[in-house]
Amino acid sequence: MKAARVVVLTVAIAAGGVAAMLAGRSDKPPEVKPEAVQVETIDVLVAKGDIPMGQALAPGDVQWQTWPTSASSGNFIRKNERPQAVEDLSGWIARVPFIAGEPIREAKLVNAKGSGFMAAILPTGMRAVSTQISPETGAGGFILPNDRVDVILTRRDANADKTGAGDSRTSETVLTNIRVLAIDQNIEEKGGQKVVVGKTATLELSPSQAETLVLSQQIGSLSLSLRSVTDASKSEVPDDSKSNKKNTVNVVRFGVSTQQTPK
């Protein structure tokens, strides 16, 4: 074999070795799998199924469920703090509906202590008073429990005969932004219904408002005016200690709006 061929063969073998070495160095290192992050958890009391408003809790209505500790609010009922919560809350009444899996909060429950549901859910200092309604005086049945309404009194003007004006009637908004507790005995929307046609509406009133409503029932006919959700969010509950049991009402007479305070 000639020397030239030996040199060429040697160079080729060397080049192949170098190429193989470089290819080996270009291989990616094996990926290191990250270790699983350990999340701290805690057992929280949740609704086992849907719980409607007004239902008394039974042990089978709730269950303990594992939640991330960082996602559990201080208002949640935790097993490590109240291991007997299922038994302790048995018989308490739901003031608002719960959906399945929703954490149970004691603020949304009330211990009736033998009282009826309506008495149990009334806020301190408030009263439940009923008034008769019809489709014509109750917004055609579109008023549902937990809506807010204005109460309008319509009565015959006592001075109409004296002035010779004939039959004259006056409309007065005697109560504003009143919460509807129930229509007949329905305390919440049932089965997705959008209309509740009833004969009685139960309203949440302060003591002075209750007196105004009862008096208004005796002197004329009442109608409920449904408020929008935006208006309903504005609080207009009067302070009884400062009202001296007088309510300022807007009076509309013959299309002219005035304001007066009934004595």
C-alpha atoms as a PDB file:
ATOM      1  CA  MET A   1       0.000   0.000   0.000  1.00  0.00           C
ATOM      2  CA  LYS A   2       1.320   3.356  -0.919  1.00  0.00           C
ATOM      3  CA  ALA A   3       2.177   5.819   1.814  1.00  0.00           C
ATOM      4  CA  ALA A   4      -0.334   8.361   0.469  1.00  0.00           C
ATOM      5  CA  ARG A   5      -3.229   5.948   0.894  1.00  0.00           C
ATOM      6  CA  VAL A   6      -2.144   5.175   4.440  1.00  0.00           C
ATOM      7  CA  VAL A   7      -2.107   8.882   5.273  1.00  0.00           C
ATOM      8  CA  VAL A   8      -5.587   9.432   3.770  1.00  0.00           C
ATOM      9  CA  LEU A   9      -7.027   6.450   5.642  1.00  0.00           C
ATOM     10  CA  THR A  10      -5.500   7.635   8.898  1.00  0.00           C
ATOM     11  CA  VAL A  11      -6.920  11.130   8.456  1.00  0.00           C
ATOM     12  CA  ALA A  12     -10.393   9.716   7.648  1.00  0.00           C
ATOM     13  CA  ILE A  13     -10.394   7.526  10.752  1.00  0.00           C
ATOM     14  CA  ALA A  14      -9.289  10.449  12.892  1.00  0.00           C
ATOM     15  CA  ALA A  15     -11.974  12.704  11.438  1.00  0.00           C
ATOM     16  CA  GLY A  16     -14.636  10.079  12.097  1.00  0.00           C
ATOM     17  CA  GLY A  17     -13.502   9.765  15.686  1.00  0.00           C
ATOM     18  CA  VAL A  18     -13.624  13.503  16.211  1.00  0.00           C
ATOM     19  CA  ALA A  19     -17.114  13.692  14.661  1.00  0.00           C
ATOM     20  CA  ALA A  20     -18.359  10.895  16.904  1.00  0.00           C
ATOM     21  CA  MET A  21     -16.921  12.626  19.976  1.00  0.00           C
ATOM     22  CA  LEU A  22     -18.568  15.931  19.059  1.00  0.00           C
ATOM     23  CA  ALA A  23     -21.891  14.221  18.439  1.00  0.00           C
ATOM     24  CA  GLY A  24     -21.708  12.610  21.848  1.00  0.00           C
ATOM     25  CA  ARG A  25     -21.076  15.952  23.503  1.00  0.00           C
ATOM     26  CA  SER A  26     -24.112  17.529  21.767  1.00  0.00           C
ATOM     27  CA  ASP A  27     -26.555  15.068  23.358  1.00  0.00           C
ATOM     28  CA  LYS A  28     -28.911  16.812  25.800  1.00  0.00           C
ATOM     29  CA  PRO A  29     -28.487  15.840  29.438  1.00  0.00           C
ATOM     30  CA  PRO A  30     -31.352  13.743  30.851  1.00  0.00           C
ATOM     31  CA  GLU A  31     -34.255  15.829  32.164  1.00  0.00           C
ATOM     32  CA  VAL A  32     -34.693  15.890  35.902  1.00  0.00           C
ATOM     33  CA  LYS A  33     -38.314  15.521  36.934  1.00  0.00           C
ATOM     34  CA  PRO A  34     -39.365  18.122  39.511  1.00  0.00           C
ATOM     35  CA  GLU A  35     -40.478  16.814  42.824  1.00  0.00           C
ATOM     36  CA  ALA A  36     -44.216  17.019  43.531  1.00  0.00           C
ATOM     37  CA  VAL A  37     -45.127  20.024  45.704  1.00  0.00           C
ATOM     38  CA  GLN A  38     -46.806  19.009  48.917  1.00  0.00           C
ATOM     39  CA  VAL A  39     -49.978  21.122  49.454  1.00  0.00           C
ATOM     40  CA  GLU A  40     -51.134  21.525  53.022  1.00  0.00           C
ATOM     41  CA  THR A  41     -54.804  20.583  53.356  1.00  0.00           C
ATOM     42  CA  ILE A  42     -57.539  20.782  55.936  1.00  0.00           C
ATOM     43  CA  ASP A  43     -61.042  19.290  56.316  1.00  0.00           C
ATOM     44  CA  VAL A  44     -63.849  21.828  55.823  1.00  0.00           C
ATOM     45  CA  LEU A  45     -67.576  21.297  56.421  1.00  0.00           C
ATOM     46  CA  VAL A  46     -69.506  21.622  53.127  1.00  0.00           C
ATOM     47  CA  ALA A  47     -73.025  21.006  51.871  1.00  0.00           C
ATOM     48  CA  LYS A  48     -73.436  17.442  50.648  1.00  0.00           C
ATOM     49  CA  GLY A  49     -76.215  18.510  48.276  1.00  0.00           C
ATOM     50  CA  ASP A  50     -78.317  21.588  47.557  1.00  0.00           C
ATOM     51  CA  ILE A  51     -79.837  23.004  50.758  1.00  0.00           C
ATOM     52  CA  PRO A  52     -82.799  25.352  50.186  1.00  0.00           C
ATOM     53  CA  MET A  53     -83.435  28.373  52.355  1.00  0.00           C
ATOM     54  CA  GLY A  54     -85.489  27.492  55.422  1.00  0.00           C
ATOM     55  CA  GLN A  55     -84.390  23.867  55.617  1.00  0.00           C
ATOM     56  CA  ALA A  56     -83.250  22.548  58.977  1.00  0.00           C
ATOM     57  CA  LEU A  57     -79.848  20.893  58.714  1.00  0.00           C
ATOM     58  CA  ALA A  58     -79.572  17.158  59.298  1.00  0.00           C
ATOM     59  CA  PRO A  59     -76.298  15.217  59.691  1.00  0.00           C
ATOM     60  CA  GLY A  60     -76.799  13.768  56.198  1.00  0.00           C
ATOM     61  CA  ASP A  61     -76.959  17.230  54.614  1.00  0.00           C
ATOM     62  CA  VAL A  62     -73.291  18.067  55.274  1.00  0.00           C
ATOM     63  CA  GLN A  63     -69.919  16.345  55.052  1.00  0.00           C
ATOM     64  CA  TRP A  64     -66.220  16.971  55.625  1.00  0.00           C
ATOM     65  CA  GLN A  65     -64.226  17.754  52.493  1.00  0.00           C
ATOM     66  CA  THR A  66     -60.492  18.254  52.019  1.00  0.00           C
ATOM     67  CA  TRP A  67     -59.546  21.803  51.047  1.00  0.00           C
ATOM     68  CA  PRO A  68     -56.159  23.517  50.562  1.00  0.00           C
ATOM     69  CA  THR A  69     -55.377  25.339  53.770  1.00  0.00           C
ATOM     70  CA  SER A  70     -54.444  28.493  51.860  1.00  0.00           C
ATOM     71  CA  ALA A  71     -57.893  28.546  50.191  1.00  0.00           C
ATOM     72  CA  SER A  72     -59.939  28.057  53.353  1.00  0.00           C
ATOM     73  CA  SER A  73     -61.438  31.224  54.796  1.00  0.00           C
ATOM     74  CA  GLY A  74     -61.495  31.949  58.496  1.00  0.00           C
ATOM     75  CA  ASN A  75     -65.306  31.784  58.296  1.00  0.00           C
ATOM     76  CA  PHE A  76     -65.222  28.133  57.224  1.00  0.00           C
ATOM     77  CA  ILE A  77     -65.944  25.442  59.788  1.00  0.00           C
ATOM     78  CA  ARG A  78     -62.767  23.362  60.168  1.00  0.00           C
ATOM     79  CA  LYS A  79     -62.674  19.849  61.536  1.00  0.00           C
ATOM     80  CA  ASN A  80     -59.518  20.400  63.580  1.00  0.00           C
ATOM     81  CA  GLU A  81     -61.225  23.308  65.371  1.00  0.00           C
ATOM     82  CA  ARG A  82     -64.786  21.944  65.637  1.00  0.00           C
ATOM     83  CA  PRO A  83     -64.792  18.158  65.260  1.00  0.00           C
ATOM     84  CA  GLN A  84     -68.390  17.946  66.562  1.00  0.00           C
ATOM     85  CA  ALA A  85     -69.750  20.578  64.180  1.00  0.00           C
ATOM     86  CA  VAL A  86     -71.984  18.121  62.287  1.00  0.00           C
ATOM     87  CA  GLU A  87     -73.836  17.233  65.480  1.00  0.00           C
ATOM     88  CA  ASP A  88     -73.728  20.754  66.932  1.00  0.00           C
ATOM     89  CA  LEU A  89     -75.329  22.350  63.842  1.00  0.00           C
ATOM     90  CA  SER A  90     -78.012  19.702  63.447  1.00  0.00           C
ATOM     91  CA  GLY A  91     -81.413  21.402  63.507  1.00  0.00           C
ATOM     92  CA  TRP A  92     -80.062  24.844  62.601  1.00  0.00           C
ATOM     93  CA  ILE A  93     -81.941  26.584  59.779  1.00  0.00           C
ATOM     94  CA  ALA A  94     -80.415  27.827  56.530  1.00  0.00           C
ATOM     95  CA  ARG A  95     -81.014  31.559  56.186  1.00  0.00           C
ATOM     96  CA  VAL A  96     -79.881  31.440  52.539  1.00  0.00           C
ATOM     97  CA  PRO A  97     -79.621  28.584  50.031  1.00  0.00           C
ATOM     98  CA  PHE A  98     -76.440  26.473  49.822  1.00  0.00           C
ATOM     99  CA  ILE A  99     -75.297  24.659  46.688  1.00  0.00           C
ATOM    100  CA  ALA A 100     -73.619  21.254  46.737  1.00  0.00           C
ATOM    101  CA  GLY A 101     -69.981  21.540  47.783  1.00  0.00           C
ATOM    102  CA  GLU A 102     -70.344  25.046  49.205  1.00  0.00           C
ATOM    103  CA  PRO A 103     -68.628  25.539  52.565  1.00  0.00           C
ATOM    104  CA  ILE A 104     -71.035  25.887  55.470  1.00  0.00           C
ATOM    105  CA  ARG A 105     -70.774  29.235  57.236  1.00  0.00           C
ATOM    106  CA  GLU A 106     -72.372  29.782  60.591  1.00  0.00           C
ATOM    107  CA  ALA A 107     -73.335  33.336  59.581  1.00  0.00           C
ATOM    108  CA  LYS A 108     -75.692  31.808  56.991  1.00  0.00           C
ATOM    109  CA  LEU A 109     -77.390  29.630  59.594  1.00  0.00           C
ATOM    110  CA  VAL A 110     -79.671  30.465  62.486  1.00  0.00           C
ATOM    111  CA  ASN A 111     -80.441  28.527  65.621  1.00  0.00           C
ATOM    112  CA  ALA A 112     -84.219  28.747  65.808  1.00  0.00           C
ATOM    113  CA  LYS A 113     -84.406  27.395  69.378  1.00  0.00           C
ATOM    114  CA  GLY A 114     -87.943  26.183  68.833  1.00  0.00           C
ATOM    115  CA  SER A 115     -89.122  29.314  66.996  1.00  0.00           C
ATOM    116  CA  GLY A 116     -90.601  29.315  63.520  1.00  0.00           C
ATOM    117  CA  PHE A 117     -88.447  29.991  60.500  1.00  0.00           C
ATOM    118  CA  MET A 118     -89.790  33.475  59.854  1.00  0.00           C
ATOM    119  CA  ALA A 119     -89.039  34.583  63.406  1.00  0.00           C
ATOM    120  CA  ALA A 120     -85.593  33.033  63.144  1.00  0.00           C
ATOM    121  CA  ILE A 121     -84.491  34.838  59.967  1.00  0.00           C
ATOM    122  CA  LEU A 122     -85.769  38.299  60.917  1.00  0.00           C
ATOM    123  CA  PRO A 123     -82.913  40.699  61.692  1.00  0.00           C
ATOM    124  CA  THR A 124     -82.817  42.210  65.163  1.00  0.00           C
ATOM    125  CA  GLY A 125     -85.414  44.950  65.590  1.00  0.00           C
ATOM    126  CA  MET A 126     -87.378  44.119  62.436  1.00  0.00           C
ATOM    127  CA  ARG A 127     -90.950  42.850  62.104  1.00  0.00           C
ATOM    128  CA  ALA A 128     -92.794  40.687  59.556  1.00  0.00           C
ATOM    129  CA  VAL A 129     -96.129  42.179  58.472  1.00  0.00           C
ATOM    130  CA  SER A 130     -98.420  40.855  55.745  1.00  0.00           C
ATOM    131  CA  THR A 131    -100.647  42.704  53.330  1.00  0.00           C
ATOM    132  CA  GLN A 132    -103.104  41.523  50.723  1.00  0.00           C
ATOM    133  CA  ILE A 133    -102.071  41.740  47.081  1.00  0.00           C
ATOM    134  CA  SER A 134    -103.440  40.782  43.701  1.00  0.00           C
ATOM    135  CA  PRO A 135    -101.940  40.583  40.208  1.00  0.00           C
ATOM    136  CA  GLU A 136    -102.998  44.220  39.727  1.00  0.00           C
ATOM    137  CA  THR A 137    -101.457  45.459  43.006  1.00  0.00           C
ATOM    138  CA  GLY A 138     -98.469  43.104  43.036  1.00  0.00           C
ATOM    139  CA  ALA A 139     -96.727  43.926  39.737  1.00  0.00           C
ATOM    140  CA  GLY A 140     -98.550  41.162  37.892  1.00  0.00           C
ATOM    141  CA  GLY A 141     -96.944  38.435  39.994  1.00  0.00           C
ATOM    142  CA  PHE A 142     -93.377  39.413  39.091  1.00  0.00           C
ATOM    143  CA  ILE A 143     -92.525  40.260  42.696  1.00  0.00           C
ATOM    144  CA  LEU A 144     -90.561  37.408  44.263  1.00  0.00           C
ATOM    145  CA  PRO A 145     -89.294  36.812  47.790  1.00  0.00           C
ATOM    146  CA  ASN A 146     -86.173  38.879  48.572  1.00  0.00           C
ATOM    147  CA  ASP A 147     -87.139  41.538  46.010  1.00  0.00           C
ATOM    148  CA  ARG A 148     -87.498  45.106  47.243  1.00  0.00           C
ATOM    149  CA  VAL A 149     -90.581  47.220  46.721  1.00  0.00           C
ATOM    150  CA  ASP A 150     -92.199  50.560  47.455  1.00  0.00           C
ATOM    151  CA  VAL A 151     -95.635  50.537  49.098  1.00  0.00           C
ATOM    152  CA  ILE A 152     -98.155  52.919  47.515  1.00  0.00           C
ATOM    153  CA  LEU A 153    -101.357  53.925  49.281  1.00  0.00           C
ATOM    154  CA  THR A 154    -104.343  55.020  47.178  1.00  0.00           C
ATOM    155  CA  ARG A 155    -107.264  56.643  48.987  1.00  0.00           C
ATOM    156  CA  ARG A 156    -110.214  58.899  48.320  1.00  0.00           C
ATOM    157  CA  ASP A 157    -109.578  62.580  48.954  1.00  0.00           C
ATOM    158  CA  ALA A 158    -111.641  63.588  51.973  1.00  0.00           C
ATOM    159  CA  ASN A 159    -111.846  67.183  50.738  1.00  0.00           C
ATOM    160  CA  ALA A 160    -113.282  66.267  47.353  1.00  0.00           C
ATOM    161  CA  ASP A 161    -116.921  66.692  48.433  1.00  0.00           C
ATOM    162  CA  LYS A 162    -116.213  70.030  50.080  1.00  0.00           C
ATOM    163  CA  THR A 163    -114.661  71.554  46.994  1.00  0.00           C
ATOM    164  CA  GLY A 164    -117.268  70.087  44.660  1.00  0.00           C
ATOM    165  CA  ALA A 165    -114.566  68.465  42.564  1.00  0.00           C
ATOM    166  CA  GLY A 166    -116.311  65.116  42.569  1.00  0.00           C
ATOM    167  CA  ASP A 167    -114.520  61.847  43.163  1.00  0.00           C
ATOM    168  CA  SER A 168    -110.824  62.575  43.727  1.00  0.00           C
ATOM    169  CA  ARG A 169    -108.152  60.104  44.800  1.00  0.00           C
ATOM    170  CA  THR A 170    -104.652  60.549  46.135  1.00  0.00           C
ATOM    171  CA  SER A 171    -101.677  58.222  45.761  1.00  0.00           C
ATOM    172  CA  GLU A 172     -98.929  58.265  48.364  1.00  0.00           C
ATOM    173  CA  THR A 173     -95.659  56.328  48.527  1.00  0.00           C
ATOM    174  CA  VAL A 174     -95.753  55.522  52.232  1.00  0.00           C
ATOM    175  CA  LEU A 175     -92.836  53.064  52.416  1.00  0.00           C
ATOM    176  CA  THR A 176     -89.727  52.722  50.247  1.00  0.00           C
ATOM    177  CA  ASN A 177     -87.128  50.008  49.606  1.00  0.00           C
ATOM    178  CA  ILE A 178     -88.916  47.325  51.599  1.00  0.00           C
ATOM    179  CA  ARG A 179     -87.714  43.732  51.472  1.00  0.00           C
ATOM    180  CA  VAL A 180     -90.293  41.079  50.559  1.00  0.00           C
ATOM    181  CA  LEU A 181     -89.915  38.110  52.884  1.00  0.00           C
ATOM    182  CA  ALA A 182     -92.520  35.842  51.306  1.00  0.00           C
ATOM    183  CA  ILE A 183     -95.337  35.647  48.790  1.00  0.00           C
ATOM    184  CA  ASP A 184     -98.057  33.573  50.422  1.00  0.00           C
ATOM    185  CA  GLN A 185     -95.877  30.878  52.066  1.00  0.00           C
ATOM    186  CA  ASN A 186     -93.148  30.831  49.418  1.00  0.00           C
ATOM    187  CA  ILE A 187     -89.937  32.154  50.951  1.00  0.00           C
ATOM    188  CA  GLU A 188     -87.801  31.676  47.829  1.00  0.00           C
ATOM    189  CA  GLU A 189     -88.071  31.078  44.116  1.00  0.00           C
ATOM    190  CA  LYS A 190     -89.123  27.484  43.530  1.00  0.00           C
ATOM    191  CA  GLY A 191     -88.125  25.366  40.537  1.00  0.00           C
ATOM    192  CA  GLY A 192     -86.804  28.303  38.550  1.00  0.00           C
ATOM    193  CA  GLN A 193     -90.214  30.004  38.395  1.00  0.00           C
ATOM    194  CA  LYS A 194     -90.114  33.658  37.461  1.00  0.00           C
ATOM    195  CA  VAL A 195     -93.610  34.597  38.606  1.00  0.00           C
ATOM    196  CA  VAL A 196     -95.350  34.029  41.937  1.00  0.00           C
ATOM    197  CA  VAL A 197     -99.034  34.952  41.884  1.00  0.00           C
ATOM    198  CA  GLY A 198    -100.184  35.114  45.493  1.00  0.00           C
ATOM    199  CA  LYS A 199    -102.756  36.784  47.684  1.00  0.00           C
ATOM    200  CA  THR A 200    -100.479  37.847  50.541  1.00  0.00           C
ATOM    201  CA  ALA A 201     -97.077  39.509  50.672  1.00  0.00           C
ATOM    202  CA  THR A 202     -95.058  39.454  53.899  1.00  0.00           C
ATOM    203  CA  LEU A 203     -92.763  42.457  54.281  1.00  0.00           C
ATOM    204  CA  GLU A 204     -89.763  43.129  56.514  1.00  0.00           C
ATOM    205  CA  LEU A 205     -90.457  46.350  58.417  1.00  0.00           C
ATOM    206  CA  SER A 206     -89.214  48.366  61.343  1.00  0.00           C
ATOM    207  CA  PRO A 207     -91.757  48.946  64.166  1.00  0.00           C
ATOM    208  CA  SER A 208     -92.732  52.413  62.892  1.00  0.00           C
ATOM    209  CA  GLN A 209     -93.033  51.125  59.331  1.00  0.00           C
ATOM    210  CA  ALA A 210     -95.267  48.322  60.565  1.00  0.00           C
ATOM    211  CA  GLU A 211     -97.582  50.905  62.145  1.00  0.00           C
ATOM    212  CA  THR A 212     -97.640  52.906  58.903  1.00  0.00           C
ATOM    213  CA  LEU A 213     -98.543  49.816  56.890  1.00  0.00           C
ATOM    214  CA  VAL A 214    -101.343  48.721  59.239  1.00  0.00           C
ATOM    215  CA  LEU A 215    -102.845  52.216  59.278  1.00  0.00           C
ATOM    216  CA  SER A 216    -102.588  52.484  55.501  1.00  0.00           C
ATOM    217  CA  GLN A 217    -104.506  49.218  55.125  1.00  0.00           C
ATOM    218  CA  GLN A 218    -107.411  50.777  56.990  1.00  0.00           C
ATOM    219  CA  ILE A 219    -107.668  54.011  55.033  1.00  0.00           C
ATOM    220  CA  GLY A 220    -107.141  52.873  51.459  1.00  0.00           C
ATOM    221  CA  SER A 221    -105.850  50.245  49.068  1.00  0.00           C
ATOM    222  CA  LEU A 222    -102.190  49.282  48.834  1.00  0.00           C
ATOM    223  CA  SER A 223    -100.046  48.455  45.811  1.00  0.00           C
ATOM    224  CA  LEU A 224     -96.481  47.177  45.648  1.00  0.00           C
ATOM    225  CA  SER A 225     -94.108  48.856  43.217  1.00  0.00           C
ATOM    226  CA  LEU A 226     -91.161  46.637  42.263  1.00  0.00           C
ATOM    227  CA  ARG A 227     -87.759  48.314  42.462  1.00  0.00           C
ATOM    228  CA  SER A 228     -84.860  47.561  40.145  1.00  0.00           C
ATOM    229  CA  VAL A 229     -81.896  45.597  41.469  1.00  0.00           C
ATOM    230  CA  THR A 230     -79.743  48.730  41.263  1.00  0.00           C
ATOM    231  CA  ASP A 231     -82.169  50.809  43.324  1.00  0.00           C
ATOM    232  CA  ALA A 232     -82.696  47.972  45.774  1.00  0.00           C
ATOM    233  CA  SER A 233     -79.015  48.016  46.705  1.00  0.00           C
ATOM    234  CA  LYS A 234     -79.437  51.476  48.230  1.00  0.00           C
ATOM    235  CA  SER A 235     -80.276  51.318  51.896  1.00  0.00           C
ATOM    236  CA  GLU A 236     -83.217  53.486  52.911  1.00  0.00           C
ATOM    237  CA  VAL A 237     -84.199  51.905  56.215  1.00  0.00           C
ATOM    238  CA  PRO A 238     -85.169  54.706  58.599  1.00  0.00           C
ATOM    239  CA  ASP A 239     -83.856  55.111  62.141  1.00  0.00           C
ATOM    240  CA  ASP A 240     -86.889  54.691  64.411  1.00  0.00           C
ATOM    241  CA  SER A 241     -85.201  56.574  67.237  1.00  0.00           C
ATOM    242  CA  LYS A 242     -85.040  59.715  65.089  1.00  0.00           C
ATOM    243  CA  SER A 243     -88.205  59.404  63.039  1.00  0.00           C
ATOM    244  CA  ASN A 244     -90.679  60.299  65.848  1.00  0.00           C
ATOM    245  CA  LYS A 245     -92.930  57.787  64.114  1.00  0.00           C
ATOM    246  CA  LYS A 246     -93.612  60.100  61.196  1.00  0.00           C
ATOM    247  CA  ASN A 247     -92.982  59.159  57.610  1.00  0.00           C
ATOM    248  CA  THR A 248     -92.485  61.713  54.845  1.00  0.00           C
ATOM    249  CA  VAL A 249     -94.408  60.661  51.755  1.00  0.00           C
ATOM    250  CA  ASN A 250     -94.636  61.929  48.218  1.00  0.00           C
ATOM    251  CA  VAL A 251     -98.199  62.876  47.307  1.00  0.00           C
ATOM    252  CA  VAL A 252     -99.390  63.065  43.711  1.00  0.00           C
ATOM    253  CA  ARG A 253    -102.639  65.005  43.329  1.00  0.00           C
ATOM    254  CA  PHE A 254    -104.036  65.739  39.856  1.00  0.00           C
ATOM    255  CA  GLY A 255    -100.575  65.196  38.358  1.00  0.00           C
ATOM    256  CA  VAL A 256     -98.898  67.750  40.671  1.00  0.00           C
ATOM    257  CA  SER A 257     -96.194  66.300  42.920  1.00  0.00           C
ATOM    258  CA  THR A 258     -95.912  67.717  46.436  1.00  0.00           C
ATOM    259  CA  GLN A 259     -94.473  66.475  49.714  1.00  0.00           C
ATOM    260  CA  GLN A 260     -96.161  66.248  53.084  1.00  0.00           C
ATOM    261  CA  THR A 261     -95.746  64.597  56.469  1.00  0.00           C
ATOM    262  CA  PRO A 262     -98.866  62.837  57.736  1.00  0.00           C
ATOM    263  CA  LYS A 263     -99.804  63.600  61.330  1.00  0.00           C
END
